[in-house]
PDB file of all heavy atoms in Angstrom:
ATOM      1  N   ILE A   1       0.801  -1.214   0.019  1.00  0.00           N
ATOM      2  CA  ILE A   1       0.014   0.046  -0.006  1.00  0.00           C
ATOM      3  C   ILE A   1       0.864   1.268  -0.005  1.00  0.00           C
ATOM      4  O   ILE A   1       0.408   2.356   0.394  1.00  0.00           O
ATOM      5  CB  ILE A   1      -0.998   0.039   1.194  1.00  0.00           C
ATOM      6  CG1 ILE A   1      -0.294  -0.146   2.515  1.00  0.00           C
ATOM      7  CG2 ILE A   1      -2.022  -1.089   0.993  1.00  0.00           C
ATOM      8  CD1 ILE A   1      -1.238   0.029   3.728  1.00  0.00           C
ATOM      9  N   GLY A   2       2.153   1.129  -0.445  1.00  0.00           N
ATOM     10  CA  GLY A   2       2.997   2.237  -0.634  1.00  0.00           C
ATOM     11  C   GLY A   2       3.579   2.833   0.613  1.00  0.00           C
ATOM     12  O   GLY A   2       3.943   4.056   0.602  1.00  0.00           O
ATOM     13  N   ILE A   3       3.745   2.074   1.669  1.00  0.00           N
ATOM     14  CA  ILE A   3       4.311   2.565   2.915  1.00  0.00           C
ATOM     15  C   ILE A   3       5.557   1.787   3.297  1.00  0.00           C
ATOM     16  O   ILE A   3       5.542   0.590   3.335  1.00  0.00           O
ATOM     17  CB  ILE A   3       3.254   2.508   4.056  1.00  0.00           C
ATOM     18  CG1 ILE A   3       2.062   3.435   3.712  1.00  0.00           C
ATOM     19  CG2 ILE A   3       3.900   2.948   5.394  1.00  0.00           C
ATOM     20  CD1 ILE A   3       0.914   3.323   4.741  1.00  0.00           C
ATOM     21  N   ASN A   4       6.630   2.511   3.597  1.00  0.00           N
ATOM     22  CA  ASN A   4       7.866   1.871   4.040  1.00  0.00           C
ATOM     23  C   ASN A   4       7.819   1.623   5.573  1.00  0.00           C
ATOM     24  O   ASN A   4       7.336   2.450   6.324  1.00  0.00           O
ATOM     25  CB  ASN A   4       9.038   2.763   3.707  1.00  0.00           C
ATOM     26  CG  ASN A   4      10.366   2.159   4.109  1.00  0.00           C
ATOM     27  OD1 ASN A   4      10.756   1.097   3.641  1.00  0.00           O
ATOM     28  ND2 ASN A   4      11.053   2.790   5.019  1.00  0.00           N
ATOM     29  N   VAL A   5       8.311   0.476   5.968  1.00  0.00           N
ATOM     30  CA  VAL A   5       8.365   0.098   7.399  1.00  0.00           C
ATOM     31  C   VAL A   5       9.715  -0.174   7.872  1.00  0.00           C
ATOM     32  O   VAL A   5      10.545  -0.815   7.209  1.00  0.00           O
ATOM     33  CB  VAL A   5       7.468  -1.163   7.621  1.00  0.00           C
ATOM     34  CG1 VAL A   5       7.627  -1.707   9.056  1.00  0.00           C
ATOM     35  CG2 VAL A   5       6.004  -0.887   7.363  1.00  0.00           C
ATOM     36  N   LYS A   6      10.071   0.387   9.037  1.00  0.00           N
ATOM     37  CA  LYS A   6      11.325   0.139   9.704  1.00  0.00           C
ATOM     38  C   LYS A   6      11.091  -0.272  11.146  1.00  0.00           C
ATOM     39  O   LYS A   6      10.267   0.340  11.806  1.00  0.00           O
ATOM     40  CB  LYS A   6      12.225   1.358   9.621  1.00  0.00           C
ATOM     41  CG  LYS A   6      13.711   1.079  10.058  1.00  0.00           C
ATOM     42  CD  LYS A   6      14.639   2.307   9.718  1.00  0.00           C
ATOM     43  CE  LYS A   6      16.052   1.922  10.107  1.00  0.00           C
ATOM     44  NZ  LYS A   6      16.955   3.074   9.834  1.00  0.00           N
ATOM     45  N   GLY A   7      11.797  -1.311  11.608  1.00  0.00           N
ATOM     46  CA  GLY A   7      11.627  -1.814  12.979  1.00  0.00           C
ATOM     47  C   GLY A   7      12.219  -0.847  13.994  1.00  0.00           C
ATOM     48  O   GLY A   7      13.314  -0.336  13.836  1.00  0.00           O
ATOM     49  N   LEU A   8      11.502  -0.661  15.089  1.00  0.00           N
ATOM     50  CA  LEU A   8      12.005   0.187  16.150  1.00  0.00           C
ATOM     51  C   LEU A   8      13.320  -0.334  16.736  1.00  0.00           C
ATOM     52  O   LEU A   8      14.149   0.476  17.144  1.00  0.00           O
ATOM     53  CB  LEU A   8      10.933   0.295  17.230  1.00  0.00           C
ATOM     54  CG  LEU A   8      11.230   1.327  18.396  1.00  0.00           C
ATOM     55  CD1 LEU A   8      11.512   2.717  17.877  1.00  0.00           C
ATOM     56  CD2 LEU A   8      10.118   1.285  19.420  1.00  0.00           C
ATOM     57  N   HIS A   9      13.447  -1.630  16.718  1.00  0.00           N
ATOM     58  CA  HIS A   9      14.660  -2.222  17.292  1.00  0.00           C
ATOM     59  C   HIS A   9      15.956  -1.862  16.514  1.00  0.00           C
ATOM     60  O   HIS A   9      17.088  -2.117  17.015  1.00  0.00           O
ATOM     61  CB  HIS A   9      14.498  -3.761  17.323  1.00  0.00           C
ATOM     62  CG  HIS A   9      14.424  -4.399  15.976  1.00  0.00           C
ATOM     63  ND1 HIS A   9      13.368  -4.205  15.130  1.00  0.00           N
ATOM     64  CD2 HIS A   9      15.305  -5.222  15.326  1.00  0.00           C
ATOM     65  CE1 HIS A   9      13.621  -4.907  14.050  1.00  0.00           C
ATOM     66  NE2 HIS A   9      14.754  -5.521  14.112  1.00  0.00           N
ATOM     67  N   THR A  10      15.791  -1.336  15.304  1.00  0.00           N
ATOM     68  CA  THR A  10      16.988  -1.101  14.450  1.00  0.00           C
ATOM     69  C   THR A  10      17.610   0.262  14.697  1.00  0.00           C
ATOM     70  O   THR A  10      18.653   0.616  14.169  1.00  0.00           O
ATOM     71  CB  THR A  10      16.678  -1.225  12.994  1.00  0.00           C
ATOM     72  OG1 THR A  10      15.676  -0.224  12.635  1.00  0.00           O
ATOM     73  CG2 THR A  10      16.087  -2.596  12.680  1.00  0.00           C
ATOM     74  N   PHE A  11      16.897   1.096  15.457  1.00  0.00           N
ATOM     75  CA  PHE A  11      17.386   2.462  15.720  1.00  0.00           C
ATOM     76  C   PHE A  11      18.335   2.573  16.841  1.00  0.00           C
ATOM     77  O   PHE A  11      18.121   1.961  17.942  1.00  0.00           O
ATOM     78  CB  PHE A  11      16.193   3.428  15.955  1.00  0.00           C
ATOM     79  CG  PHE A  11      15.317   3.651  14.761  1.00  0.00           C
ATOM     80  CD1 PHE A  11      14.233   2.838  14.464  1.00  0.00           C
ATOM     81  CD2 PHE A  11      15.571   4.729  13.911  1.00  0.00           C
ATOM     82  CE1 PHE A  11      13.456   3.055  13.387  1.00  0.00           C
ATOM     83  CE2 PHE A  11      14.757   4.965  12.790  1.00  0.00           C
ATOM     84  CZ  PHE A  11      13.680   4.178  12.555  1.00  0.00           C
ATOM     85  N   ALA A  12      19.411   3.326  16.710  1.00  0.00           N
ATOM     86  CA  ALA A  12      20.388   3.510  17.835  1.00  0.00           C
ATOM     87  C   ALA A  12      19.717   4.257  18.948  1.00  0.00           C
ATOM     88  O   ALA A  12      20.038   4.026  20.151  1.00  0.00           O
ATOM     89  CB  ALA A  12      21.607   4.245  17.297  1.00  0.00           C
ATOM     90  N   ASP A  13      18.828   5.199  18.612  1.00  0.00           N
ATOM     91  CA  ASP A  13      18.136   5.992  19.641  1.00  0.00           C
ATOM     92  C   ASP A  13      16.607   5.845  19.390  1.00  0.00           C
ATOM     93  O   ASP A  13      16.041   6.632  18.698  1.00  0.00           O
ATOM     94  CB  ASP A  13      18.561   7.450  19.533  1.00  0.00           C
ATOM     95  CG  ASP A  13      18.019   8.309  20.678  1.00  0.00           C
ATOM     96  OD1 ASP A  13      16.990   7.889  21.311  1.00  0.00           O
ATOM     97  OD2 ASP A  13      18.538   9.395  20.922  1.00  0.00           O
ATOM     98  N   PRO A  14      15.998   4.780  20.009  1.00  0.00           N
ATOM     99  CA  PRO A  14      14.567   4.535  19.713  1.00  0.00           C
ATOM    100  C   PRO A  14      13.667   5.653  20.184  1.00  0.00           C
ATOM    101  O   PRO A  14      12.626   5.909  19.618  1.00  0.00           O
ATOM    102  CB  PRO A  14      14.292   3.233  20.452  1.00  0.00           C
ATOM    103  CG  PRO A  14      15.442   3.098  21.470  1.00  0.00           C
ATOM    104  CD  PRO A  14      16.559   3.787  20.870  1.00  0.00           C
ATOM    105  N   LYS A  15      14.084   6.443  21.254  1.00  0.00           N
ATOM    106  CA  LYS A  15      13.245   7.554  21.690  1.00  0.00           C
ATOM    107  C   LYS A  15      13.177   8.615  20.624  1.00  0.00           C
ATOM    108  O   LYS A  15      12.094   9.157  20.271  1.00  0.00           O
ATOM    109  CB  LYS A  15      13.782   8.123  23.000  1.00  0.00           C
ATOM    110  CG  LYS A  15      13.561   7.236  24.237  1.00  0.00           C
ATOM    111  CD  LYS A  15      14.035   7.985  25.475  1.00  0.00           C
ATOM    112  CE  LYS A  15      13.781   7.165  26.702  1.00  0.00           C
ATOM    113  NZ  LYS A  15      14.236   7.803  27.934  1.00  0.00           N
ATOM    114  N   GLN A  16      14.319   8.902  20.033  1.00  0.00           N
ATOM    115  CA  GLN A  16      14.387   9.916  18.993  1.00  0.00           C
ATOM    116  C   GLN A  16      13.577   9.425  17.752  1.00  0.00           C
ATOM    117  O   GLN A  16      12.918  10.185  17.088  1.00  0.00           O
ATOM    118  CB  GLN A  16      15.852  10.248  18.572  1.00  0.00           C
ATOM    119  CG  GLN A  16      15.955  11.337  17.524  1.00  0.00           C
ATOM    120  CD  GLN A  16      17.394  11.611  17.150  1.00  0.00           C
ATOM    121  OE1 GLN A  16      18.347  11.146  17.777  1.00  0.00           O
ATOM    122  NE2 GLN A  16      17.566  12.416  16.122  1.00  0.00           N
ATOM    123  N   ALA A  17      13.743   8.067  17.496  1.00  0.00           N
ATOM    124  CA  ALA A  17      12.978   7.531  16.345  1.00  0.00           C
ATOM    125  C   ALA A  17      11.481   7.719  16.504  1.00  0.00           C
ATOM    126  O   ALA A  17      10.764   8.044  15.591  1.00  0.00           O
ATOM    127  CB  ALA A  17      13.347   6.050  16.228  1.00  0.00           C
ATOM    128  N   ILE A  18      10.992   7.515  17.708  1.00  0.00           N
ATOM    129  CA  ILE A  18       9.556   7.700  17.979  1.00  0.00           C
ATOM    130  C   ILE A  18       9.167   9.112  17.822  1.00  0.00           C
ATOM    131  O   ILE A  18       8.116   9.433  17.200  1.00  0.00           O
ATOM    132  CB  ILE A  18       9.217   7.175  19.397  1.00  0.00           C
ATOM    133  CG1 ILE A  18       9.269   5.634  19.473  1.00  0.00           C
ATOM    134  CG2 ILE A  18       7.831   7.697  19.852  1.00  0.00           C
ATOM    135  CD1 ILE A  18       9.118   5.085  20.841  1.00  0.00           C
ATOM    136  N   GLN A  19       9.983  10.039  18.296  1.00  0.00           N
ATOM    137  CA  GLN A  19       9.699  11.438  18.182  1.00  0.00           C
ATOM    138  C   GLN A  19       9.676  11.907  16.725  1.00  0.00           C
ATOM    139  O   GLN A  19       8.876  12.791  16.368  1.00  0.00           O
ATOM    140  CB  GLN A  19      10.739  12.246  18.981  1.00  0.00           C
ATOM    141  CG  GLN A  19      10.697  12.041  20.474  1.00  0.00           C
ATOM    142  CD  GLN A  19      11.879  12.538  21.193  1.00  0.00           C
ATOM    143  OE1 GLN A  19      12.808  13.145  20.581  1.00  0.00           O
ATOM    144  NE2 GLN A  19      11.919  12.372  22.516  1.00  0.00           N
ATOM    145  N   GLU A  20      10.464  11.281  15.882  1.00  0.00           N
ATOM    146  CA  GLU A  20      10.532  11.767  14.497  1.00  0.00           C
ATOM    147  C   GLU A  20       9.684  10.914  13.571  1.00  0.00           C
ATOM    148  O   GLU A  20       9.555  11.274  12.429  1.00  0.00           O
ATOM    149  CB  GLU A  20      12.028  11.659  14.046  1.00  0.00           C
ATOM    150  CG  GLU A  20      12.922  12.614  14.773  1.00  0.00           C
ATOM    151  CD  GLU A  20      14.406  12.452  14.362  1.00  0.00           C
ATOM    152  OE1 GLU A  20      14.719  11.497  13.570  1.00  0.00           O
ATOM    153  OE2 GLU A  20      15.230  13.268  14.883  1.00  0.00           O
ATOM    154  N   ALA A  21       9.060   9.832  13.996  1.00  0.00           N
ATOM    155  CA  ALA A  21       8.256   8.974  13.173  1.00  0.00           C
ATOM    156  C   ALA A  21       6.970   9.616  12.697  1.00  0.00           C
ATOM    157  O   ALA A  21       6.458  10.560  13.354  1.00  0.00           O
ATOM    158  CB  ALA A  21       7.928   7.721  13.944  1.00  0.00           C
ATOM    159  N   LYS A  22       6.480   9.129  11.591  1.00  0.00           N
ATOM    160  CA  LYS A  22       5.224   9.612  11.008  1.00  0.00           C
ATOM    161  C   LYS A  22       3.996   8.859  11.490  1.00  0.00           C
ATOM    162  O   LYS A  22       2.890   9.323  11.456  1.00  0.00           O
ATOM    163  CB  LYS A  22       5.269   9.644   9.508  1.00  0.00           C
ATOM    164  CG  LYS A  22       6.349  10.505   8.934  1.00  0.00           C
ATOM    165  CD  LYS A  22       6.443  10.426   7.401  1.00  0.00           C
ATOM    166  CE  LYS A  22       7.524  11.265   6.790  1.00  0.00           C
ATOM    167  NZ  LYS A  22       7.609  11.102   5.297  1.00  0.00           N
ATOM    168  N   GLY A  23       4.250   7.613  11.909  1.00  0.00           N
ATOM    169  CA  GLY A  23       3.199   6.708  12.375  1.00  0.00           C
ATOM    170  C   GLY A  23       3.713   5.373  12.901  1.00  0.00           C
ATOM    171  O   GLY A  23       4.962   5.147  12.805  1.00  0.00           O
ATOM    172  N   PHE A  24       2.849   4.563  13.470  1.00  0.00           N
ATOM    173  CA  PHE A  24       3.312   3.396  14.177  1.00  0.00           C
ATOM    174  C   PHE A  24       2.406   2.229  13.959  1.00  0.00           C
ATOM    175  O   PHE A  24       1.174   2.358  13.836  1.00  0.00           O
ATOM    176  CB  PHE A  24       3.395   3.681  15.712  1.00  0.00           C
ATOM    177  CG  PHE A  24       4.136   4.870  16.093  1.00  0.00           C
ATOM    178  CD1 PHE A  24       3.484   6.101  16.302  1.00  0.00           C
ATOM    179  CD2 PHE A  24       5.501   4.861  16.275  1.00  0.00           C
ATOM    180  CE1 PHE A  24       4.183   7.266  16.609  1.00  0.00           C
ATOM    181  CE2 PHE A  24       6.222   5.976  16.568  1.00  0.00           C
ATOM    182  CZ  PHE A  24       5.538   7.213  16.781  1.00  0.00           C
ATOM    183  N   PHE A  25       2.937   1.004  13.986  1.00  0.00           N
ATOM    184  CA  PHE A  25       2.185  -0.253  14.077  1.00  0.00           C
ATOM    185  C   PHE A  25       2.888  -1.148  15.076  1.00  0.00           C
ATOM    186  O   PHE A  25       4.125  -1.408  14.989  1.00  0.00           O
ATOM    187  CB  PHE A  25       2.204  -0.909  12.697  1.00  0.00           C
ATOM    188  CG  PHE A  25       1.591  -2.302  12.714  1.00  0.00           C
ATOM    189  CD1 PHE A  25       0.560  -2.659  13.540  1.00  0.00           C
ATOM    190  CD2 PHE A  25       2.046  -3.253  11.782  1.00  0.00           C
ATOM    191  CE1 PHE A  25       0.039  -3.966  13.518  1.00  0.00           C
ATOM    192  CE2 PHE A  25       1.537  -4.536  11.736  1.00  0.00           C
ATOM    193  CZ  PHE A  25       0.527  -4.870  12.651  1.00  0.00           C
ATOM    194  N   THR A  26       2.096  -1.609  16.093  1.00  0.00           N
ATOM    195  CA  THR A  26       2.624  -2.578  17.067  1.00  0.00           C
ATOM    196  C   THR A  26       1.901  -3.878  16.891  1.00  0.00           C
ATOM    197  O   THR A  26       0.711  -3.964  16.988  1.00  0.00           O
ATOM    198  CB  THR A  26       2.395  -2.045  18.540  1.00  0.00           C
ATOM    199  OG1 THR A  26       3.038  -0.757  18.675  1.00  0.00           O
ATOM    200  CG2 THR A  26       3.041  -3.033  19.521  1.00  0.00           C
ATOM    201  N   GLY A  27       2.693  -4.864  16.583  1.00  0.00           N
ATOM    202  CA  GLY A  27       2.112  -6.204  16.339  1.00  0.00           C
ATOM    203  C   GLY A  27       1.835  -7.025  17.574  1.00  0.00           C
ATOM    204  O   GLY A  27       2.193  -6.615  18.698  1.00  0.00           O
ATOM    205  N   GLY A  28       1.211  -8.205  17.417  1.00  0.00           N
ATOM    206  CA  GLY A  28       0.795  -9.015  18.475  1.00  0.00           C
ATOM    207  C   GLY A  28       1.911  -9.960  18.964  1.00  0.00           C
ATOM    208  O   GLY A  28       3.040  -9.974  18.461  1.00  0.00           O
TER     209      GLY A  28
END
C-alpha cells in the first residue's frame, strides 16, 4: 500500500525515532 516500514529495534536511539516517526504499528 505504498508505505515503508522500519523496525523500532533497528534504531540506535529509539526515543528519537519515535519522536521523528510519522506513524506506528505494534504487532501481537
